Amino acid sequence: MQQRRYPISLVALILGIAVINVLAEMYYWYWTMRWFDRPMHFLGGVWLAASALWWVYERKGVIPPRFSRVLLVCVAAAFGIGALWELMQAGLGLETAGHVSRLGGTISDLLFDILGGVAAAVWGWARVKK
């Protein structure tokens, strides 16, 4: 079985996220626009979930049997990596600022990660059904 290459669209998405993140850090968008991290978490969730779909199914040329499987893979990837990211941020916050960020912000970040995962699942399932 020949493995399929990683999609250029996912490479473009992560590069786009990286460019936006660099600009956001340079121009303090995360601090001046308090809502700005929400679309970034959403896009990160989309990229993580779509990459997980590629890894589990598409690179092997396997068709997922049910939407519930696709949704599980996507949400698990987005939530799992998102939770690790939040733990890393908490550790950095303790180390540098001496405190952890607000719980509400963490929950919001994870929610937008999951929403991105759900969006990727719907998109991925629609692609399979074509």
C-alpha atoms as a PDB file:
ATOM      1  CA  MET A   1       0.000   0.000   0.000  1.00  0.00           C
ATOM      2  CA  GLN A   2       1.404   3.354  -1.035  1.00  0.00           C
ATOM      3  CA  GLN A   3       1.187   6.078   1.577  1.00  0.00           C
ATOM      4  CA  ARG A   4      -0.248   9.431   0.565  1.00  0.00           C
ATOM      5  CA  ARG A   5       1.632  12.686   0.996  1.00  0.00           C
ATOM      6  CA  TYR A   6       0.752  15.273   3.612  1.00  0.00           C
ATOM      7  CA  PRO A   7      -1.712  17.755   2.038  1.00  0.00           C
ATOM      8  CA  ILE A   8      -0.333  21.090   0.893  1.00  0.00           C
ATOM      9  CA  SER A   9      -3.496  22.742   2.230  1.00  0.00           C
ATOM     10  CA  LEU A  10      -2.539  21.700   5.770  1.00  0.00           C
ATOM     11  CA  VAL A  11       0.999  22.964   5.249  1.00  0.00           C
ATOM     12  CA  ALA A  12      -0.444  26.294   4.066  1.00  0.00           C
ATOM     13  CA  LEU A  13      -2.799  26.419   7.065  1.00  0.00           C
ATOM     14  CA  ILE A  14      -0.049  25.907   9.665  1.00  0.00           C
ATOM     15  CA  LEU A  15       2.212  28.402   7.890  1.00  0.00           C
ATOM     16  CA  GLY A  16      -0.646  30.911   7.864  1.00  0.00           C
ATOM     17  CA  ILE A  17      -1.242  30.345  11.574  1.00  0.00           C
ATOM     18  CA  ALA A  18       2.476  30.831  12.229  1.00  0.00           C
ATOM     19  CA  VAL A  19       2.613  34.096  10.254  1.00  0.00           C
ATOM     20  CA  ILE A  20      -0.484  35.461  12.013  1.00  0.00           C
ATOM     21  CA  ASN A  21       0.984  34.429  15.379  1.00  0.00           C
ATOM     22  CA  VAL A  22       4.269  36.234  14.662  1.00  0.00           C
ATOM     23  CA  LEU A  23       2.354  39.379  13.677  1.00  0.00           C
ATOM     24  CA  ALA A  24       0.164  39.059  16.776  1.00  0.00           C
ATOM     25  CA  GLU A  25       3.225  38.856  18.998  1.00  0.00           C
ATOM     26  CA  MET A  26       4.934  41.770  17.236  1.00  0.00           C
ATOM     27  CA  TYR A  27       1.916  44.068  17.429  1.00  0.00           C
ATOM     28  CA  TYR A  28       0.549  42.859  20.811  1.00  0.00           C
ATOM     29  CA  TRP A  29      -2.758  41.686  19.336  1.00  0.00           C
ATOM     30  CA  TYR A  30      -3.189  39.069  22.079  1.00  0.00           C
ATOM     31  CA  TRP A  31      -3.094  41.856  24.683  1.00  0.00           C
ATOM     32  CA  THR A  32      -4.880  44.671  22.829  1.00  0.00           C
ATOM     33  CA  MET A  33      -7.633  42.459  21.377  1.00  0.00           C
ATOM     34  CA  ARG A  34      -8.518  40.070  24.194  1.00  0.00           C
ATOM     35  CA  TRP A  35     -10.674  37.960  21.836  1.00  0.00           C
ATOM     36  CA  PHE A  36      -7.833  37.357  19.355  1.00  0.00           C
ATOM     37  CA  ASP A  37      -6.705  34.031  20.813  1.00  0.00           C
ATOM     38  CA  ARG A  38     -10.137  32.473  20.163  1.00  0.00           C
ATOM     39  CA  PRO A  39      -9.858  32.313  16.355  1.00  0.00           C
ATOM     40  CA  MET A  40      -6.246  31.220  16.754  1.00  0.00           C
ATOM     41  CA  HIS A  41      -7.322  28.304  18.960  1.00  0.00           C
ATOM     42  CA  PHE A  42     -10.096  27.483  16.490  1.00  0.00           C
ATOM     43  CA  LEU A  43      -7.637  27.401  13.580  1.00  0.00           C
ATOM     44  CA  GLY A  44      -5.174  25.378  15.642  1.00  0.00           C
ATOM     45  CA  GLY A  45      -7.942  22.887  16.439  1.00  0.00           C
ATOM     46  CA  VAL A  46      -8.807  22.631  12.741  1.00  0.00           C
ATOM     47  CA  TRP A  47      -5.178  21.981  11.824  1.00  0.00           C
ATOM     48  CA  LEU A  48      -4.639  19.425  14.590  1.00  0.00           C
ATOM     49  CA  ALA A  49      -7.839  17.553  13.814  1.00  0.00           C
ATOM     50  CA  ALA A  50      -7.298  17.570  10.043  1.00  0.00           C
ATOM     51  CA  SER A  51      -3.734  16.364  10.549  1.00  0.00           C
ATOM     52  CA  ALA A  52      -5.006  13.572  12.790  1.00  0.00           C
ATOM     53  CA  LEU A  53      -7.544  12.576  10.120  1.00  0.00           C
ATOM     54  CA  TRP A  54      -4.778  12.458   7.565  1.00  0.00           C
ATOM     55  CA  TRP A  55      -2.598  10.376   9.885  1.00  0.00           C
ATOM     56  CA  VAL A  56      -5.287   7.880  10.868  1.00  0.00           C
ATOM     57  CA  TYR A  57      -7.135   7.496   7.576  1.00  0.00           C
ATOM     58  CA  GLU A  58      -6.021   9.373   4.497  1.00  0.00           C
ATOM     59  CA  ARG A  59      -2.295   8.599   4.439  1.00  0.00           C
ATOM     60  CA  LYS A  60      -3.186   4.897   4.289  1.00  0.00           C
ATOM     61  CA  GLY A  61      -6.047   5.391   1.839  1.00  0.00           C
ATOM     62  CA  VAL A  62      -8.579   4.067   4.365  1.00  0.00           C
ATOM     63  CA  ILE A  63     -12.165   5.321   4.322  1.00  0.00           C
ATOM     64  CA  PRO A  64     -13.546   5.975   7.811  1.00  0.00           C
ATOM     65  CA  PRO A  65     -16.556   3.750   8.549  1.00  0.00           C
ATOM     66  CA  ARG A  66     -18.742   6.274  10.402  1.00  0.00           C
ATOM     67  CA  PHE A  67     -18.934   9.970  11.221  1.00  0.00           C
ATOM     68  CA  SER A  68     -18.677   9.145  14.924  1.00  0.00           C
ATOM     69  CA  ARG A  69     -15.174   7.732  14.338  1.00  0.00           C
ATOM     70  CA  VAL A  70     -14.112  10.823  12.415  1.00  0.00           C
ATOM     71  CA  LEU A  71     -15.519  13.055  15.155  1.00  0.00           C
ATOM     72  CA  LEU A  72     -13.749  11.059  17.864  1.00  0.00           C
ATOM     73  CA  VAL A  73     -10.374  11.271  16.100  1.00  0.00           C
ATOM     74  CA  CYS A  74     -10.768  15.010  15.485  1.00  0.00           C
ATOM     75  CA  VAL A  75     -11.992  16.006  18.932  1.00  0.00           C
ATOM     76  CA  ALA A  76      -9.448  13.773  20.688  1.00  0.00           C
ATOM     77  CA  ALA A  77      -6.595  15.334  18.722  1.00  0.00           C
ATOM     78  CA  ALA A  78      -7.772  18.923  19.175  1.00  0.00           C
ATOM     79  CA  PHE A  79      -8.621  18.527  22.862  1.00  0.00           C
ATOM     80  CA  GLY A  80      -5.599  16.391  23.729  1.00  0.00           C
ATOM     81  CA  ILE A  81      -2.990  18.666  22.183  1.00  0.00           C
ATOM     82  CA  GLY A  82      -4.933  21.736  23.321  1.00  0.00           C
ATOM     83  CA  ALA A  83      -4.871  20.476  26.924  1.00  0.00           C
ATOM     84  CA  LEU A  84      -1.132  19.847  26.704  1.00  0.00           C
ATOM     85  CA  TRP A  85      -0.689  23.381  25.344  1.00  0.00           C
ATOM     86  CA  GLU A  86      -2.660  24.814  28.274  1.00  0.00           C
ATOM     87  CA  LEU A  87      -0.552  22.814  30.743  1.00  0.00           C
ATOM     88  CA  MET A  88       2.599  24.176  29.121  1.00  0.00           C
ATOM     89  CA  GLN A  89       1.218  27.723  29.367  1.00  0.00           C
ATOM     90  CA  ALA A  90       0.361  27.185  33.025  1.00  0.00           C
ATOM     91  CA  GLY A  91       3.891  25.956  33.697  1.00  0.00           C
ATOM     92  CA  LEU A  92       5.383  28.949  31.926  1.00  0.00           C
ATOM     93  CA  GLY A  93       3.055  31.267  33.826  1.00  0.00           C
ATOM     94  CA  LEU A  94       4.179  29.829  37.137  1.00  0.00           C
ATOM     95  CA  GLU A  95       7.806  30.061  36.139  1.00  0.00           C
ATOM     96  CA  THR A  96       7.773  33.586  34.709  1.00  0.00           C
ATOM     97  CA  ALA A  97       4.858  35.447  36.326  1.00  0.00           C
ATOM     98  CA  GLY A  98       4.472  33.426  39.500  1.00  0.00           C
ATOM     99  CA  HIS A  99       0.820  32.553  38.806  1.00  0.00           C
ATOM    100  CA  VAL A 100      -1.395  30.579  36.445  1.00  0.00           C
ATOM    101  CA  SER A 101      -3.807  32.235  33.993  1.00  0.00           C
ATOM    102  CA  ARG A 102      -7.526  32.473  34.691  1.00  0.00           C
ATOM    103  CA  LEU A 103      -9.501  29.247  34.518  1.00  0.00           C
ATOM    104  CA  GLY A 104     -12.109  30.921  32.277  1.00  0.00           C
ATOM    105  CA  GLY A 105      -9.478  31.672  29.665  1.00  0.00           C
ATOM    106  CA  THR A 106      -8.260  28.083  29.700  1.00  0.00           C
ATOM    107  CA  ILE A 107     -11.788  26.717  29.323  1.00  0.00           C
ATOM    108  CA  SER A 108     -12.460  29.153  26.464  1.00  0.00           C
ATOM    109  CA  ASP A 109      -9.238  28.105  24.725  1.00  0.00           C
ATOM    110  CA  LEU A 110     -10.125  24.414  25.008  1.00  0.00           C
ATOM    111  CA  LEU A 111     -13.656  25.072  23.787  1.00  0.00           C
ATOM    112  CA  PHE A 112     -12.350  26.787  20.656  1.00  0.00           C
ATOM    113  CA  ASP A 113      -9.845  23.953  20.119  1.00  0.00           C
ATOM    114  CA  ILE A 114     -12.751  21.487  20.259  1.00  0.00           C
ATOM    115  CA  LEU A 115     -14.919  23.622  17.946  1.00  0.00           C
ATOM    116  CA  GLY A 116     -12.075  23.615  15.433  1.00  0.00           C
ATOM    117  CA  GLY A 117     -11.897  19.836  15.775  1.00  0.00           C
ATOM    118  CA  VAL A 118     -15.630  19.505  15.130  1.00  0.00           C
ATOM    119  CA  ALA A 119     -15.357  21.767  12.072  1.00  0.00           C
ATOM    120  CA  ALA A 120     -12.536  19.607  10.701  1.00  0.00           C
ATOM    121  CA  ALA A 121     -14.599  16.464  11.341  1.00  0.00           C
ATOM    122  CA  VAL A 122     -17.566  17.862   9.414  1.00  0.00           C
ATOM    123  CA  TRP A 123     -15.285  18.985   6.576  1.00  0.00           C
ATOM    124  CA  GLY A 124     -13.455  15.656   6.516  1.00  0.00           C
ATOM    125  CA  TRP A 125     -16.681  13.642   6.515  1.00  0.00           C
ATOM    126  CA  ALA A 126     -18.087  15.791   3.698  1.00  0.00           C
ATOM    127  CA  ARG A 127     -14.932  15.068   1.662  1.00  0.00           C
ATOM    128  CA  VAL A 128     -15.312  11.320   2.255  1.00  0.00           C
ATOM    129  CA  LYS A 129     -18.942  11.371   1.177  1.00  0.00           C
ATOM    130  CA  LYS A 130     -18.200  13.061  -2.191  1.00  0.00           C
END
